Amino acid sequence: MSTTTGTRELRFEQKMSDAEALMWNIEKDPWLNPSGAIISTLDRPLDVKQFKARIRSAVADIPRLRERVVPGFGRLSPPTWATDPEFDLAYHVRHIALPVPGTERQLLDLATRLYEDPFDRTRPLWMFVCIDGLDSGRGAVFSKMHHTVTDGVGAIRLSERYIEAEREAPVPEFVDLDQVIANAVAAEHADDENVCGVSSVDSLRRSLSHATRRQTGFARR
């Protein structure tokens, strides 16, 4: 699946499905949070450097993790995905510590606040927080992903990229993520599919074209 290993790259649709677009739009109501979260407790603090290496490898292999949402013109067409040219791994993978005494209650309260905090909708819609300071020398990892990125099953499958069955599992090879991002942006520009760079007139034209085709389909059926 990885482009860095010479095997087949994972590919995703550039245009959101109706279900994904619904999840994207309902978030405007603060009571409707379409994100999923997982908190994992560990018997020791996480090796953050190794964890970031695993996430870096996953971002290189899975295009959706480095893409942001580009809204359509109004709601005439569904949003699309485009590579974030300013992708910053440090923004998406954070490292904090609980204050003493580091109880389970403190951890759950922190997870609640992190979950309720809305995503920056101009960036890829996911985050990890490595948490130190739990009592008895433990650590934790909090993850949150928007439902447009993946559902619960997909989140479990993604966890295979950063949860290892062995305590001393080998670290993935270094990936030049800046180059991966640059190549993806260049490819989108070459295909004229990076909607971040098109004019508002072009965006309106594409949106009207999509709306016309959709209504025509409804009338035909």
N, C-alpha and C. Protein backbone atom coordinates (compact mmCIF):
# COMPACT_ATOMS: atom_id res chain seq x y z
N MET A 1 0.81 -1.20 0.00
CA MET A 1 0.00 0.00 0.00
C MET A 1 0.85 1.26 0.00
N SER A 2 2.11 1.15 0.35
CA SER A 2 2.95 2.32 0.52
C SER A 2 3.67 2.68 -0.77
N THR A 3 3.70 3.97 -1.08
CA THR A 3 4.47 4.42 -2.22
C THR A 3 5.96 4.35 -1.94
N THR A 4 6.34 4.38 -0.67
CA THR A 4 7.76 4.35 -0.32
C THR A 4 8.34 2.95 -0.40
N THR A 5 7.52 1.94 -0.39
CA THR A 5 8.02 0.58 -0.46
C THR A 5 7.82 -0.04 -1.83
N GLY A 6 7.27 0.73 -2.75
CA GLY A 6 7.11 0.24 -4.10
C GLY A 6 5.88 -0.58 -4.33
N THR A 7 5.01 -0.72 -3.33
CA THR A 7 3.79 -1.47 -3.50
C THR A 7 2.65 -0.52 -3.84
N ARG A 8 1.44 -1.08 -4.04
CA ARG A 8 0.31 -0.29 -4.51
C ARG A 8 -0.10 0.75 -3.49
N GLU A 9 -0.32 1.96 -3.94
CA GLU A 9 -0.74 3.05 -3.06
C GLU A 9 -2.24 2.99 -2.81
N LEU A 10 -2.63 3.32 -1.57
CA LEU A 10 -4.06 3.45 -1.27
C LEU A 10 -4.62 4.65 -2.00
N ARG A 11 -5.80 4.49 -2.55
CA ARG A 11 -6.43 5.59 -3.28
C ARG A 11 -7.82 5.84 -2.70
N PHE A 12 -8.21 7.11 -2.67
CA PHE A 12 -9.49 7.50 -2.13
C PHE A 12 -10.17 8.42 -3.13
N GLU A 13 -11.50 8.47 -3.06
CA GLU A 13 -12.24 9.39 -3.92
C GLU A 13 -11.94 10.83 -3.50
N GLN A 14 -11.78 11.71 -4.51
CA GLN A 14 -11.52 13.10 -4.19
C GLN A 14 -12.78 13.80 -3.72
N LYS A 15 -13.92 13.40 -4.27
CA LYS A 15 -15.19 14.03 -3.93
C LYS A 15 -15.85 13.28 -2.78
N MET A 16 -16.37 14.02 -1.81
CA MET A 16 -17.05 13.39 -0.69
C MET A 16 -18.32 12.67 -1.14
N SER A 17 -18.63 11.58 -0.48
CA SER A 17 -19.92 10.94 -0.68
C SER A 17 -20.99 11.77 0.02
N ASP A 18 -22.25 11.46 -0.25
CA ASP A 18 -23.34 12.18 0.42
C ASP A 18 -23.27 11.99 1.93
N ALA A 19 -22.94 10.78 2.37
CA ALA A 19 -22.86 10.52 3.81
C ALA A 19 -21.72 11.33 4.44
N GLU A 20 -20.57 11.37 3.78
CA GLU A 20 -19.45 12.15 4.29
C GLU A 20 -19.79 13.64 4.33
N ALA A 21 -20.44 14.12 3.27
CA ALA A 21 -20.82 15.54 3.23
C ALA A 21 -21.79 15.87 4.36
N LEU A 22 -22.68 14.93 4.68
CA LEU A 22 -23.61 15.15 5.79
C LEU A 22 -22.84 15.28 7.09
N MET A 23 -21.87 14.39 7.32
CA MET A 23 -21.07 14.46 8.54
C MET A 23 -20.29 15.78 8.62
N TRP A 24 -19.83 16.26 7.47
CA TRP A 24 -19.08 17.53 7.42
C TRP A 24 -19.99 18.70 7.77
N ASN A 25 -21.21 18.69 7.27
CA ASN A 25 -22.09 19.85 7.44
C ASN A 25 -22.76 19.90 8.82
N ILE A 26 -23.09 18.75 9.40
CA ILE A 26 -23.81 18.79 10.67
C ILE A 26 -22.95 19.29 11.81
N GLU A 27 -21.64 19.31 11.63
CA GLU A 27 -20.75 19.77 12.70
C GLU A 27 -20.96 21.25 13.02
N LYS A 28 -21.61 21.98 12.13
CA LYS A 28 -21.88 23.39 12.39
C LYS A 28 -22.80 23.56 13.59
N ASP A 29 -23.55 22.52 13.94
CA ASP A 29 -24.34 22.51 15.17
C ASP A 29 -23.45 21.94 16.28
N PRO A 30 -23.13 22.74 17.32
CA PRO A 30 -22.19 22.27 18.35
C PRO A 30 -22.65 21.04 19.11
N TRP A 31 -23.95 20.72 19.04
CA TRP A 31 -24.46 19.53 19.72
C TRP A 31 -24.26 18.26 18.89
N LEU A 32 -23.89 18.41 17.65
CA LEU A 32 -23.75 17.26 16.76
C LEU A 32 -22.28 17.08 16.39
N ASN A 33 -21.56 16.40 17.24
CA ASN A 33 -20.13 16.16 17.01
C ASN A 33 -19.95 14.84 16.29
N PRO A 34 -19.54 14.87 15.01
CA PRO A 34 -19.45 13.63 14.24
C PRO A 34 -18.08 12.95 14.33
N SER A 35 -17.31 13.28 15.34
CA SER A 35 -15.98 12.69 15.49
C SER A 35 -16.02 11.47 16.39
N GLY A 36 -15.07 10.58 16.19
CA GLY A 36 -14.91 9.42 17.05
C GLY A 36 -13.59 9.53 17.80
N ALA A 37 -13.56 9.05 19.03
CA ALA A 37 -12.35 9.16 19.85
C ALA A 37 -12.05 7.83 20.53
N ILE A 38 -10.77 7.61 20.76
CA ILE A 38 -10.29 6.41 21.46
C ILE A 38 -9.25 6.87 22.48
N ILE A 39 -9.32 6.33 23.69
CA ILE A 39 -8.28 6.57 24.68
C ILE A 39 -7.72 5.23 25.13
N SER A 40 -6.41 5.10 25.06
CA SER A 40 -5.74 3.85 25.43
C SER A 40 -4.78 4.14 26.59
N THR A 41 -4.87 3.35 27.66
CA THR A 41 -3.94 3.49 28.78
C THR A 41 -2.81 2.48 28.62
N LEU A 42 -1.62 2.90 29.01
CA LEU A 42 -0.41 2.11 28.82
C LEU A 42 0.28 1.89 30.16
N ASP A 43 1.05 0.80 30.24
CA ASP A 43 1.70 0.50 31.52
C ASP A 43 2.97 1.33 31.73
N ARG A 44 3.33 2.13 30.74
CA ARG A 44 4.48 3.02 30.88
C ARG A 44 4.31 4.18 29.90
N PRO A 45 5.00 5.30 30.10
CA PRO A 45 4.86 6.42 29.18
C PRO A 45 5.26 6.02 27.76
N LEU A 46 4.61 6.64 26.80
CA LEU A 46 4.85 6.34 25.40
C LEU A 46 6.19 6.89 24.94
N ASP A 47 6.87 6.15 24.07
CA ASP A 47 8.06 6.68 23.40
C ASP A 47 7.55 7.56 22.26
N VAL A 48 7.48 8.86 22.50
CA VAL A 48 6.85 9.77 21.56
C VAL A 48 7.59 9.82 20.23
N LYS A 49 8.89 9.74 20.27
CA LYS A 49 9.67 9.78 19.02
C LYS A 49 9.31 8.60 18.12
N GLN A 50 9.22 7.40 18.70
CA GLN A 50 8.84 6.23 17.91
C GLN A 50 7.39 6.33 17.44
N PHE A 51 6.52 6.83 18.31
CA PHE A 51 5.12 6.96 17.94
C PHE A 51 4.97 7.90 16.74
N LYS A 52 5.67 9.02 16.76
CA LYS A 52 5.61 9.96 15.64
C LYS A 52 6.14 9.32 14.37
N ALA A 53 7.16 8.47 14.50
CA ALA A 53 7.69 7.78 13.32
C ALA A 53 6.63 6.87 12.71
N ARG A 54 5.83 6.22 13.53
CA ARG A 54 4.79 5.34 13.02
C ARG A 54 3.67 6.15 12.35
N ILE A 55 3.30 7.26 12.99
CA ILE A 55 2.26 8.09 12.40
C ILE A 55 2.76 8.73 11.11
N ARG A 56 4.02 9.14 11.09
CA ARG A 56 4.60 9.72 9.86
C ARG A 56 4.51 8.72 8.72
N SER A 57 4.83 7.46 9.00
CA SER A 57 4.75 6.42 7.98
C SER A 57 3.32 6.22 7.51
N ALA A 58 2.36 6.26 8.45
CA ALA A 58 0.95 6.09 8.08
C ALA A 58 0.47 7.25 7.21
N VAL A 59 0.88 8.47 7.54
CA VAL A 59 0.47 9.64 6.75
C VAL A 59 1.02 9.53 5.33
N ALA A 60 2.24 9.03 5.20
CA ALA A 60 2.83 8.87 3.87
C ALA A 60 2.09 7.83 3.05
N ASP A 61 1.57 6.80 3.71
CA ASP A 61 0.91 5.70 3.00
C ASP A 61 -0.57 5.93 2.74
N ILE A 62 -1.22 6.74 3.58
CA ILE A 62 -2.67 6.90 3.52
C ILE A 62 -2.99 8.35 3.15
N PRO A 63 -3.31 8.62 1.90
CA PRO A 63 -3.52 10.01 1.45
C PRO A 63 -4.52 10.80 2.28
N ARG A 64 -5.60 10.16 2.74
CA ARG A 64 -6.63 10.89 3.46
C ARG A 64 -6.09 11.58 4.71
N LEU A 65 -5.05 11.03 5.32
CA LEU A 65 -4.50 11.61 6.53
C LEU A 65 -3.75 12.91 6.28
N ARG A 66 -3.41 13.18 5.04
CA ARG A 66 -2.70 14.43 4.73
C ARG A 66 -3.57 15.39 3.89
N GLU A 67 -4.86 15.08 3.81
CA GLU A 67 -5.76 15.91 3.00
C GLU A 67 -6.70 16.72 3.89
N ARG A 68 -7.06 17.89 3.41
CA ARG A 68 -8.03 18.74 4.08
C ARG A 68 -9.28 18.85 3.20
N VAL A 69 -10.35 19.34 3.79
CA VAL A 69 -11.61 19.48 3.07
C VAL A 69 -11.65 20.82 2.34
N VAL A 70 -12.08 20.78 1.10
CA VAL A 70 -12.29 21.99 0.31
C VAL A 70 -13.78 22.11 0.04
N PRO A 71 -14.48 23.05 0.70
CA PRO A 71 -15.93 23.15 0.51
C PRO A 71 -16.30 23.47 -0.93
N GLY A 72 -17.47 22.98 -1.37
CA GLY A 72 -18.00 23.36 -2.67
C GLY A 72 -18.57 24.77 -2.61
N PHE A 73 -19.05 25.24 -3.74
CA PHE A 73 -19.64 26.58 -3.79
C PHE A 73 -21.04 26.51 -3.18
N GLY A 74 -21.19 27.13 -1.98
CA GLY A 74 -22.45 26.97 -1.26
C GLY A 74 -22.64 25.50 -0.96
N ARG A 75 -23.82 24.98 -1.28
CA ARG A 75 -24.05 23.54 -1.16
C ARG A 75 -24.52 22.96 -2.48
N LEU A 76 -24.09 23.60 -3.56
CA LEU A 76 -24.47 23.12 -4.88
C LEU A 76 -23.71 21.86 -5.27
N SER A 77 -22.57 21.65 -4.66
CA SER A 77 -21.80 20.44 -4.93
C SER A 77 -21.16 19.98 -3.63
N PRO A 78 -20.84 18.69 -3.52
CA PRO A 78 -20.24 18.18 -2.28
C PRO A 78 -18.82 18.70 -2.11
N PRO A 79 -18.34 18.76 -0.88
CA PRO A 79 -16.94 19.13 -0.66
C PRO A 79 -16.00 18.12 -1.30
N THR A 80 -14.77 18.53 -1.49
CA THR A 80 -13.75 17.65 -2.04
C THR A 80 -12.55 17.62 -1.09
N TRP A 81 -11.64 16.71 -1.39
CA TRP A 81 -10.41 16.57 -0.60
C TRP A 81 -9.22 17.03 -1.42
N ALA A 82 -8.27 17.69 -0.78
CA ALA A 82 -7.03 18.10 -1.44
C ALA A 82 -5.90 18.05 -0.41
N THR A 83 -4.71 17.71 -0.87
CA THR A 83 -3.55 17.66 0.02
C THR A 83 -3.32 19.01 0.69
N ASP A 84 -3.07 18.99 1.98
CA ASP A 84 -2.76 20.21 2.72
C ASP A 84 -1.30 20.58 2.47
N PRO A 85 -1.02 21.63 1.71
CA PRO A 85 0.38 21.97 1.41
C PRO A 85 1.14 22.44 2.63
N GLU A 86 0.43 22.79 3.70
CA GLU A 86 1.06 23.27 4.93
C GLU A 86 0.93 22.23 6.05
N PHE A 87 0.85 20.96 5.67
CA PHE A 87 0.67 19.90 6.66
C PHE A 87 1.79 19.95 7.70
N ASP A 88 1.40 19.86 8.97
CA ASP A 88 2.36 19.95 10.08
C ASP A 88 2.09 18.79 11.03
N LEU A 89 2.98 17.81 11.02
CA LEU A 89 2.79 16.62 11.86
C LEU A 89 2.74 17.00 13.33
N ALA A 90 3.51 18.00 13.75
CA ALA A 90 3.54 18.39 15.16
C ALA A 90 2.19 18.93 15.62
N TYR A 91 1.41 19.48 14.71
CA TYR A 91 0.07 19.96 15.07
C TYR A 91 -0.87 18.80 15.36
N HIS A 92 -0.72 17.72 14.61
CA HIS A 92 -1.64 16.59 14.72
C HIS A 92 -1.21 15.57 15.77
N VAL A 93 0.05 15.54 16.14
CA VAL A 93 0.54 14.62 17.17
C VAL A 93 1.15 15.47 18.28
N ARG A 94 0.47 15.54 19.42
CA ARG A 94 0.88 16.41 20.51
C ARG A 94 1.32 15.59 21.73
N HIS A 95 2.02 16.25 22.63
CA HIS A 95 2.58 15.56 23.80
C HIS A 95 2.36 16.45 25.03
N ILE A 96 1.60 15.95 26.00
CA ILE A 96 1.32 16.71 27.21
C ILE A 96 1.44 15.79 28.42
N ALA A 97 1.35 16.37 29.62
CA ALA A 97 1.41 15.59 30.86
C ALA A 97 0.29 16.03 31.78
N LEU A 98 -0.28 15.06 32.49
CA LEU A 98 -1.28 15.36 33.50
C LEU A 98 -0.61 15.96 34.74
N PRO A 99 -1.29 16.84 35.43
CA PRO A 99 -0.75 17.33 36.71
C PRO A 99 -0.84 16.24 37.78
N VAL A 100 0.00 16.35 38.78
CA VAL A 100 -0.05 15.41 39.90
C VAL A 100 -1.43 15.50 40.56
N PRO A 101 -2.06 14.36 40.92
CA PRO A 101 -1.49 13.00 41.01
C PRO A 101 -1.70 12.13 39.77
N GLY A 102 -2.35 12.63 38.72
CA GLY A 102 -2.51 11.86 37.49
C GLY A 102 -3.50 10.71 37.61
N THR A 103 -4.69 11.03 38.09
CA THR A 103 -5.70 9.98 38.30
C THR A 103 -6.46 9.67 37.01
N GLU A 104 -7.21 8.58 37.07
CA GLU A 104 -8.08 8.23 35.95
C GLU A 104 -9.11 9.33 35.69
N ARG A 105 -9.62 9.92 36.79
CA ARG A 105 -10.60 11.00 36.64
C ARG A 105 -10.01 12.17 35.88
N GLN A 106 -8.78 12.54 36.17
CA GLN A 106 -8.11 13.62 35.44
C GLN A 106 -7.94 13.26 33.96
N LEU A 107 -7.59 12.03 33.70
CA LEU A 107 -7.41 11.58 32.32
C LEU A 107 -8.72 11.67 31.55
N LEU A 108 -9.81 11.20 32.15
CA LEU A 108 -11.11 11.23 31.47
C LEU A 108 -11.61 12.65 31.29
N ASP A 109 -11.36 13.52 32.26
CA ASP A 109 -11.75 14.93 32.12
C ASP A 109 -10.99 15.58 30.97
N LEU A 110 -9.69 15.27 30.86
CA LEU A 110 -8.89 15.81 29.76
C LEU A 110 -9.41 15.29 28.42
N ALA A 111 -9.71 13.99 28.36
CA ALA A 111 -10.22 13.40 27.12
C ALA A 111 -11.53 14.05 26.71
N THR A 112 -12.37 14.38 27.69
CA THR A 112 -13.65 15.03 27.40
C THR A 112 -13.42 16.40 26.76
N ARG A 113 -12.49 17.17 27.33
CA ARG A 113 -12.22 18.50 26.78
C ARG A 113 -11.62 18.41 25.38
N LEU A 114 -10.73 17.44 25.18
CA LEU A 114 -10.12 17.27 23.86
C LEU A 114 -11.18 16.86 22.83
N TYR A 115 -12.09 16.01 23.24
CA TYR A 115 -13.13 15.56 22.32
C TYR A 115 -14.07 16.71 21.94
N GLU A 116 -14.41 17.53 22.91
CA GLU A 116 -15.36 18.61 22.66
C GLU A 116 -14.74 19.76 21.86
N ASP A 117 -13.44 19.87 21.87
CA ASP A 117 -12.77 20.94 21.14
C ASP A 117 -12.91 20.69 19.63
N PRO A 118 -13.53 21.59 18.88
CA PRO A 118 -13.75 21.33 17.45
C PRO A 118 -12.46 21.32 16.66
N PHE A 119 -12.47 20.59 15.56
CA PHE A 119 -11.32 20.57 14.66
C PHE A 119 -11.16 21.91 13.95
N ASP A 120 -9.92 22.23 13.60
CA ASP A 120 -9.65 23.31 12.67
C ASP A 120 -10.02 22.79 11.29
N ARG A 121 -11.08 23.33 10.70
CA ARG A 121 -11.63 22.79 9.45
C ARG A 121 -10.80 23.15 8.23
N THR A 122 -9.69 23.86 8.43
CA THR A 122 -8.77 24.15 7.32
C THR A 122 -7.61 23.15 7.29
N ARG A 123 -7.60 22.19 8.21
CA ARG A 123 -6.52 21.20 8.31
C ARG A 123 -7.11 19.79 8.19
N PRO A 124 -6.25 18.77 8.01
CA PRO A 124 -6.73 17.39 8.08
C PRO A 124 -7.42 17.14 9.42
N LEU A 125 -8.47 16.33 9.39
CA LEU A 125 -9.39 16.23 10.52
C LEU A 125 -9.07 15.05 11.43
N TRP A 126 -7.92 15.09 12.06
CA TRP A 126 -7.55 14.04 13.01
C TRP A 126 -6.46 14.56 13.94
N MET A 127 -6.31 13.89 15.09
CA MET A 127 -5.26 14.27 16.03
C MET A 127 -4.95 13.12 16.98
N PHE A 128 -3.74 13.10 17.50
CA PHE A 128 -3.31 12.21 18.56
C PHE A 128 -2.69 13.06 19.67
N VAL A 129 -2.94 12.66 20.90
CA VAL A 129 -2.32 13.33 22.04
C VAL A 129 -1.66 12.26 22.91
N CYS A 130 -0.34 12.33 23.02
CA CYS A 130 0.42 11.43 23.90
C CYS A 130 0.41 12.04 25.30
N ILE A 131 -0.02 11.26 26.29
CA ILE A 131 -0.25 11.79 27.63
C ILE A 131 0.65 11.07 28.64
N ASP A 132 1.48 11.84 29.33
CA ASP A 132 2.32 11.33 30.41
C ASP A 132 1.69 11.70 31.74
N GLY A 133 2.28 11.18 32.82
CA GLY A 133 1.92 11.63 34.16
C GLY A 133 0.81 10.86 34.85
N LEU A 134 0.36 9.74 34.26
CA LEU A 134 -0.64 8.94 34.98
C LEU A 134 0.00 8.30 36.22
N ASP A 135 -0.83 8.06 37.23
CA ASP A 135 -0.29 7.45 38.44
C ASP A 135 0.25 6.05 38.13
N SER A 136 1.10 5.57 39.02
CA SER A 136 1.76 4.26 38.88
C SER A 136 2.68 4.20 37.67
N GLY A 137 3.15 5.36 37.20
CA GLY A 137 4.11 5.39 36.10
C GLY A 137 3.53 5.06 34.74
N ARG A 138 2.22 5.21 34.59
CA ARG A 138 1.58 4.84 33.33
C ARG A 138 1.51 6.02 32.35
N GLY A 139 1.10 5.72 31.12
CA GLY A 139 0.88 6.74 30.10
C GLY A 139 -0.42 6.45 29.38
N ALA A 140 -0.73 7.29 28.40
CA ALA A 140 -1.98 7.11 27.64
C ALA A 140 -1.84 7.76 26.28
N VAL A 141 -2.72 7.35 25.37
CA VAL A 141 -2.81 7.97 24.05
C VAL A 141 -4.28 8.27 23.78
N PHE A 142 -4.55 9.51 23.41
CA PHE A 142 -5.90 9.91 23.01
C PHE A 142 -5.88 10.17 21.52
N SER A 143 -6.86 9.61 20.79
CA SER A 143 -6.95 9.86 19.36
C SER A 143 -8.36 10.32 19.02
N LYS A 144 -8.47 11.21 18.05
CA LYS A 144 -9.77 11.70 17.60
C LYS A 144 -9.75 11.85 16.09
N MET A 145 -10.77 11.34 15.43
CA MET A 145 -10.88 11.44 13.98
C MET A 145 -12.29 11.81 13.58
N HIS A 146 -12.38 12.68 12.63
CA HIS A 146 -13.67 13.09 12.10
C HIS A 146 -14.29 11.93 11.32
N HIS A 147 -15.61 11.85 11.35
CA HIS A 147 -16.28 10.73 10.68
C HIS A 147 -16.15 10.79 9.16
N THR A 148 -15.77 11.93 8.61
CA THR A 148 -15.50 12.00 7.18
C THR A 148 -14.19 11.30 6.83
N VAL A 149 -13.29 11.17 7.80
CA VAL A 149 -12.01 10.51 7.56
C VAL A 149 -12.15 9.00 7.66
N THR A 150 -12.84 8.54 8.70
CA THR A 150 -13.04 7.11 8.87
C THR A 150 -14.16 6.86 9.86
N ASP A 151 -14.71 5.66 9.80
CA ASP A 151 -15.69 5.25 10.80
C ASP A 151 -15.00 4.43 11.88
N GLY A 152 -15.78 3.83 12.77
CA GLY A 152 -15.18 3.09 13.87
C GLY A 152 -14.34 1.91 13.41
N VAL A 153 -14.83 1.18 12.40
CA VAL A 153 -14.08 0.04 11.88
C VAL A 153 -12.76 0.51 11.28
N GLY A 154 -12.81 1.60 10.52
CA GLY A 154 -11.59 2.13 9.91
C GLY A 154 -10.60 2.60 10.96
N ALA A 155 -11.10 3.17 12.05
CA ALA A 155 -10.22 3.63 13.12
C ALA A 155 -9.49 2.46 13.77
N ILE A 156 -10.20 1.34 13.93
CA ILE A 156 -9.55 0.15 14.50
C ILE A 156 -8.48 -0.37 13.54
N ARG A 157 -8.78 -0.37 12.25
CA ARG A 157 -7.79 -0.83 11.27
C ARG A 157 -6.59 0.09 11.26
N LEU A 158 -6.83 1.40 11.38
CA LEU A 158 -5.72 2.35 11.41
C LEU A 158 -4.84 2.12 12.63
N SER A 159 -5.44 1.68 13.73
CA SER A 159 -4.65 1.48 14.95
C SER A 159 -3.57 0.42 14.75
N GLU A 160 -3.72 -0.42 13.74
CA GLU A 160 -2.68 -1.41 13.45
C GLU A 160 -1.38 -0.74 13.02
N ARG A 161 -1.46 0.54 12.61
CA ARG A 161 -0.27 1.26 12.19
C ARG A 161 0.53 1.84 13.36
N TYR A 162 -0.09 1.95 14.53
CA TYR A 162 0.64 2.54 15.64
C TYR A 162 0.59 1.72 16.93
N ILE A 163 -0.19 0.65 16.97
CA ILE A 163 -0.19 -0.26 18.12
C ILE A 163 0.51 -1.55 17.70
N GLU A 164 1.55 -1.92 18.43
CA GLU A 164 2.34 -3.09 18.08
C GLU A 164 2.07 -4.23 19.05
N ALA A 165 2.18 -5.45 18.55
CA ALA A 165 1.98 -6.63 19.39
C ALA A 165 3.20 -6.90 20.27
N GLU A 166 4.37 -6.40 19.86
CA GLU A 166 5.60 -6.61 20.62
C GLU A 166 6.02 -5.31 21.30
N ARG A 167 6.57 -5.45 22.50
CA ARG A 167 6.99 -4.27 23.25
C ARG A 167 8.13 -3.55 22.54
N GLU A 168 9.05 -4.27 21.97
CA GLU A 168 10.21 -3.66 21.31
C GLU A 168 10.12 -3.86 19.79
N ALA A 169 9.01 -3.50 19.21
CA ALA A 169 8.82 -3.65 17.76
C ALA A 169 9.74 -2.70 17.00
N PRO A 170 10.21 -3.09 15.82
CA PRO A 170 11.10 -2.21 15.04
C PRO A 170 10.39 -0.94 14.61
N VAL A 171 11.15 0.13 14.54
CA VAL A 171 10.61 1.43 14.14
C VAL A 171 10.58 1.50 12.60
N PRO A 172 9.52 2.04 12.01
CA PRO A 172 9.48 2.17 10.54
C PRO A 172 10.64 3.02 10.03
N GLU A 173 11.01 2.76 8.80
CA GLU A 173 12.07 3.56 8.18
C GLU A 173 11.63 5.02 8.06
N PHE A 174 12.61 5.91 8.11
CA PHE A 174 12.29 7.34 8.03
C PHE A 174 11.65 7.67 6.68
N VAL A 175 10.63 8.50 6.73
CA VAL A 175 9.92 8.94 5.53
C VAL A 175 10.06 10.45 5.42
N ASP A 176 10.47 10.93 4.26
CA ASP A 176 10.55 12.37 4.03
C ASP A 176 9.15 12.87 3.73
N LEU A 177 8.43 13.21 4.79
CA LEU A 177 7.03 13.58 4.64
C LEU A 177 6.86 14.88 3.87
N ASP A 178 7.80 15.80 4.01
CA ASP A 178 7.73 17.05 3.25
C ASP A 178 7.76 16.77 1.75
N GLN A 179 8.58 15.80 1.35
CA GLN A 179 8.65 15.46 -0.07
C GLN A 179 7.39 14.75 -0.53
N VAL A 180 6.82 13.90 0.33
CA VAL A 180 5.56 13.23 0.00
C VAL A 180 4.47 14.26 -0.23
N ILE A 181 4.39 15.27 0.64
CA ILE A 181 3.39 16.32 0.51
C ILE A 181 3.61 17.11 -0.77
N ALA A 182 4.86 17.49 -1.03
CA ALA A 182 5.17 18.27 -2.23
C ALA A 182 4.81 17.50 -3.49
N ASN A 183 5.11 16.20 -3.52
CA ASN A 183 4.78 15.39 -4.69
C ASN A 183 3.27 15.28 -4.89
N ALA A 184 2.53 15.13 -3.79
CA ALA A 184 1.07 15.01 -3.89
C ALA A 184 0.46 16.32 -4.40
N VAL A 185 0.93 17.44 -3.88
CA VAL A 185 0.40 18.74 -4.32
C VAL A 185 0.71 18.96 -5.80
N ALA A 186 1.93 18.61 -6.21
CA ALA A 186 2.32 18.78 -7.62
C ALA A 186 1.46 17.90 -8.52
N ALA A 187 1.18 16.68 -8.08
CA ALA A 187 0.37 15.78 -8.90
C ALA A 187 -1.06 16.31 -9.03
N GLU A 188 -1.59 16.89 -7.96
CA GLU A 188 -2.95 17.43 -8.03
C GLU A 188 -3.01 18.65 -8.95
N HIS A 189 -2.00 19.47 -8.90
CA HIS A 189 -1.96 20.62 -9.81
C HIS A 189 -1.85 20.14 -11.26
N ALA A 190 -1.03 19.12 -11.47
CA ALA A 190 -0.85 18.62 -12.83
C ALA A 190 -2.15 18.06 -13.39
N ASP A 191 -2.96 17.46 -12.54
CA ASP A 191 -4.24 16.90 -12.97
C ASP A 191 -5.37 17.92 -12.94
N ASP A 192 -5.05 19.14 -12.54
CA ASP A 192 -6.04 20.21 -12.43
C ASP A 192 -7.17 19.81 -11.51
N GLU A 193 -6.83 19.10 -10.40
CA GLU A 193 -7.85 18.68 -9.45
C GLU A 193 -7.62 19.26 -8.07
N ASN A 194 -6.66 20.14 -7.93
CA ASN A 194 -6.46 20.78 -6.63
C ASN A 194 -7.36 21.99 -6.57
N VAL A 195 -8.58 21.83 -6.08
CA VAL A 195 -9.57 22.90 -6.10
C VAL A 195 -9.17 24.08 -5.24
N CYS A 196 -8.12 23.92 -4.41
CA CYS A 196 -7.66 25.07 -3.63
C CYS A 196 -7.09 26.14 -4.54
N GLY A 197 -6.66 25.76 -5.73
CA GLY A 197 -6.00 26.72 -6.59
C GLY A 197 -6.88 27.25 -7.71
N VAL A 198 -8.10 26.80 -7.85
CA VAL A 198 -8.94 27.28 -8.93
C VAL A 198 -9.65 28.55 -8.53
N SER A 199 -10.09 29.31 -9.51
CA SER A 199 -10.77 30.57 -9.24
C SER A 199 -12.18 30.32 -8.74
N SER A 200 -12.79 31.36 -8.14
CA SER A 200 -14.16 31.23 -7.66
C SER A 200 -15.12 30.98 -8.81
N VAL A 201 -14.80 31.55 -9.99
CA VAL A 201 -15.65 31.33 -11.16
C VAL A 201 -15.61 29.87 -11.56
N ASP A 202 -14.42 29.27 -11.55
CA ASP A 202 -14.31 27.85 -11.89
C ASP A 202 -15.03 27.00 -10.85
N SER A 203 -14.91 27.38 -9.58
CA SER A 203 -15.59 26.63 -8.53
C SER A 203 -17.10 26.69 -8.72
N LEU A 204 -17.62 27.88 -9.05
CA LEU A 204 -19.05 28.03 -9.28
C LEU A 204 -19.48 27.21 -10.49
N ARG A 205 -18.68 27.24 -11.55
CA ARG A 205 -19.02 26.49 -12.76
C ARG A 205 -19.10 25.00 -12.46
N ARG A 206 -18.13 24.48 -11.71
CA ARG A 206 -18.13 23.05 -11.38
C ARG A 206 -19.32 22.70 -10.48
N SER A 207 -19.62 23.58 -9.53
CA SER A 207 -20.73 23.33 -8.63
C SER A 207 -22.05 23.31 -9.37
N LEU A 208 -22.26 24.29 -10.29
CA LEU A 208 -23.50 24.32 -11.07
C LEU A 208 -23.60 23.10 -11.97
N SER A 209 -22.48 22.69 -12.53
CA SER A 209 -22.47 21.51 -13.39
C SER A 209 -22.87 20.28 -12.61
N HIS A 210 -22.31 20.15 -11.38
CA HIS A 210 -22.67 18.99 -10.54
C HIS A 210 -24.15 19.02 -10.19
N ALA A 211 -24.66 20.20 -9.79
CA ALA A 211 -26.06 20.31 -9.42
C ALA A 211 -26.98 19.98 -10.59
N THR A 212 -26.61 20.43 -11.79
CA THR A 212 -27.42 20.15 -12.97
C THR A 212 -27.47 18.66 -13.27
N ARG A 213 -26.31 18.00 -13.21
CA ARG A 213 -26.26 16.56 -13.46
C ARG A 213 -27.08 15.79 -12.42
N ARG A 214 -27.00 16.24 -11.18
CA ARG A 214 -27.73 15.55 -10.11
C ARG A 214 -29.23 15.68 -10.29
N GLN A 215 -29.69 16.91 -10.59
CA GLN A 215 -31.13 17.12 -10.77
C GLN A 215 -31.64 16.40 -12.00
N THR A 216 -30.82 16.33 -13.03
CA THR A 216 -31.19 15.60 -14.24
C THR A 216 -31.39 14.13 -13.94
N GLY A 217 -30.48 13.60 -13.09
CA GLY A 217 -30.60 12.20 -12.69
C GLY A 217 -31.87 11.95 -11.90
N PHE A 218 -32.20 12.88 -10.99
CA PHE A 218 -33.43 12.72 -10.22
C PHE A 218 -34.65 12.72 -11.16
N ALA A 219 -34.67 13.67 -12.13
CA ALA A 219 -35.81 13.76 -13.05
C ALA A 219 -35.91 12.49 -13.89
N ARG A 220 -34.78 11.95 -14.33
CA ARG A 220 -34.81 10.76 -15.16
C ARG A 220 -35.39 9.58 -14.39
N ARG A 221 -34.99 9.44 -13.12
CA ARG A 221 -35.51 8.32 -12.32
C ARG A 221 -36.99 8.52 -11.99
